[in-house]
Amino acid sequence: MDCLVYPSIPYHILAGLGSKKAGKLGKLGPVAEKIVLPVETDTEKLVNYVCGSNILKQGQDVQLKPDSEYPDWLWSLRLTKPPPLEEMDPNSIQYWRRLRKLNNQRQSRLMKLRKY
């Protein structure tokens, strides 16, 4: 079979140029294997402990306390999206940080539309 692109090079040599060998290492060495962490299925432990909070080899996870032992501000934390800019107080630092962020996003979108 003739090679149309490089007539002087046989086809079987060109066909093998793109293949990789299985035992070859990359530039940075062998690829590290992913560690699979076990999933906790014990319902008693899931209800009474913060699973995964202990990063040491010894010891145990943090045990959950009754709600009365936690501070009151913990239960009033906002867990949804941040409020719109119109609902924020203009005298707060959060308002100005959000305004700057929104302005940067707007400028970025406008710059993508420009044609050079």
Protein backbone atom coordinates (compact mmCIF):
# COMPACT_ATOMS: atom_id res chain seq x y z
CA MET A 1 0.00 0.00 0.00
CA ASP A 2 1.40 3.37 -0.99
CA CYS A 3 1.34 6.34 1.31
CA LEU A 4 -0.09 9.40 -0.41
CA VAL A 5 1.31 11.97 2.01
CA TYR A 6 4.92 10.73 2.15
CA PRO A 7 5.58 8.49 -0.85
CA SER A 8 9.17 7.75 0.18
CA ILE A 9 8.18 6.41 3.66
CA PRO A 10 6.52 2.97 3.82
CA TYR A 11 2.98 2.86 5.25
CA HIS A 12 3.74 0.45 8.10
CA ILE A 13 6.26 2.91 9.57
CA LEU A 14 3.82 5.84 9.44
CA ALA A 15 1.02 3.75 10.99
CA GLY A 16 3.12 3.04 14.08
CA LEU A 17 4.10 6.65 14.77
CA GLY A 18 0.88 7.59 16.59
CA SER A 19 0.62 4.53 18.81
CA LYS A 20 1.69 4.57 22.46
CA LYS A 21 3.32 1.74 24.32
CA ALA A 22 1.64 0.51 27.51
CA GLY A 23 4.75 0.49 29.69
CA LYS A 24 5.91 3.99 28.82
CA LEU A 25 5.96 6.67 31.54
CA GLY A 26 4.88 10.27 31.09
CA LYS A 27 7.11 13.30 31.48
CA LEU A 28 6.38 13.53 35.21
CA GLY A 29 6.77 9.84 35.99
CA PRO A 30 4.18 7.17 36.74
CA VAL A 31 0.58 8.19 37.28
CA ALA A 32 -0.56 7.93 40.91
CA GLU A 33 -3.57 5.74 41.63
CA LYS A 34 -6.67 7.29 43.17
CA ILE A 35 -7.44 6.38 46.77
CA VAL A 36 -10.97 5.12 47.27
CA LEU A 37 -12.31 6.12 50.68
CA PRO A 38 -14.82 3.83 52.35
CA VAL A 39 -18.39 5.13 52.66
CA GLU A 40 -19.86 5.10 56.17
CA THR A 41 -23.07 3.04 56.28
CA ASP A 42 -23.57 2.74 60.05
CA THR A 43 -26.71 4.80 60.73
CA GLU A 44 -25.92 5.21 64.43
CA LYS A 45 -22.56 6.77 63.63
CA LEU A 46 -24.02 8.99 60.88
CA VAL A 47 -26.60 10.43 63.30
CA ASN A 48 -24.30 11.00 66.29
CA TYR A 49 -20.93 11.99 64.77
CA VAL A 50 -19.50 14.37 62.15
CA CYS A 51 -18.13 11.71 59.82
CA GLY A 52 -14.75 12.55 58.30
CA SER A 53 -13.85 15.24 60.85
CA ASN A 54 -10.95 13.23 62.31
CA ILE A 55 -7.94 13.56 60.00
CA LEU A 56 -5.55 11.77 62.36
CA LYS A 57 -4.89 8.01 62.32
CA GLN A 58 -5.93 7.70 65.95
CA GLY A 59 -8.91 9.14 67.78
CA GLN A 60 -12.51 9.46 66.67
CA ASP A 61 -14.79 11.86 64.84
CA VAL A 62 -16.38 14.85 66.59
CA GLN A 63 -19.57 13.93 68.41
CA LEU A 64 -22.65 16.08 67.74
CA LYS A 65 -24.12 18.00 70.67
CA PRO A 66 -27.72 19.04 71.34
CA ASP A 67 -28.92 22.23 69.58
CA SER A 68 -29.01 24.16 72.85
CA GLU A 69 -25.21 23.94 73.21
CA TYR A 70 -24.52 25.76 69.92
CA PRO A 71 -24.58 29.60 69.64
CA ASP A 72 -27.79 31.27 68.45
CA TRP A 73 -26.14 32.99 65.45
CA LEU A 74 -25.43 29.57 63.96
CA TRP A 75 -29.13 28.99 63.30
CA SER A 76 -29.62 32.37 61.62
CA LEU A 77 -26.89 31.93 58.96
CA ARG A 78 -28.07 32.54 55.41
CA LEU A 79 -27.76 29.30 53.44
CA THR A 80 -29.33 30.49 50.19
CA LYS A 81 -28.03 32.81 47.48
CA PRO A 82 -26.76 36.23 48.55
CA PRO A 83 -29.41 38.98 48.47
CA PRO A 84 -29.69 41.16 45.37
CA LEU A 85 -27.79 44.42 45.36
CA GLU A 86 -30.98 46.45 45.81
CA GLU A 87 -31.71 44.76 49.17
CA MET A 88 -28.23 45.38 50.60
CA ASP A 89 -27.26 48.34 52.77
CA PRO A 90 -25.11 50.84 50.80
CA ASN A 91 -23.15 51.67 53.97
CA SER A 92 -21.77 48.12 54.35
CA ILE A 93 -18.52 46.74 52.98
CA GLN A 94 -20.38 43.71 51.57
CA TYR A 95 -22.44 46.04 49.36
CA TRP A 96 -19.35 47.65 47.82
CA ARG A 97 -17.55 44.34 47.36
CA ARG A 98 -20.57 42.89 45.58
CA LEU A 99 -20.93 46.03 43.45
CA ARG A 100 -17.28 45.76 42.40
CA LYS A 101 -17.67 42.06 41.61
CA LEU A 102 -20.76 42.67 39.48
CA ASN A 103 -19.02 45.52 37.66
CA ASN A 104 -15.97 43.33 36.94
CA GLN A 105 -18.24 40.59 35.57
CA ARG A 106 -20.04 43.13 33.37
CA GLN A 107 -16.77 44.55 32.05
CA SER A 108 -15.50 41.04 31.31
CA ARG A 109 -18.63 40.21 29.33
CA LEU A 110 -18.34 43.48 27.38
CA MET A 111 -14.68 42.86 26.55
CA LYS A 112 -15.53 39.41 25.14
CA LEU A 113 -17.87 41.10 22.65
CA ARG A 114 -15.17 43.40 21.26
CA LYS A 115 -13.64 42.47 17.94
CA TYR A 116 -9.97 43.21 17.45
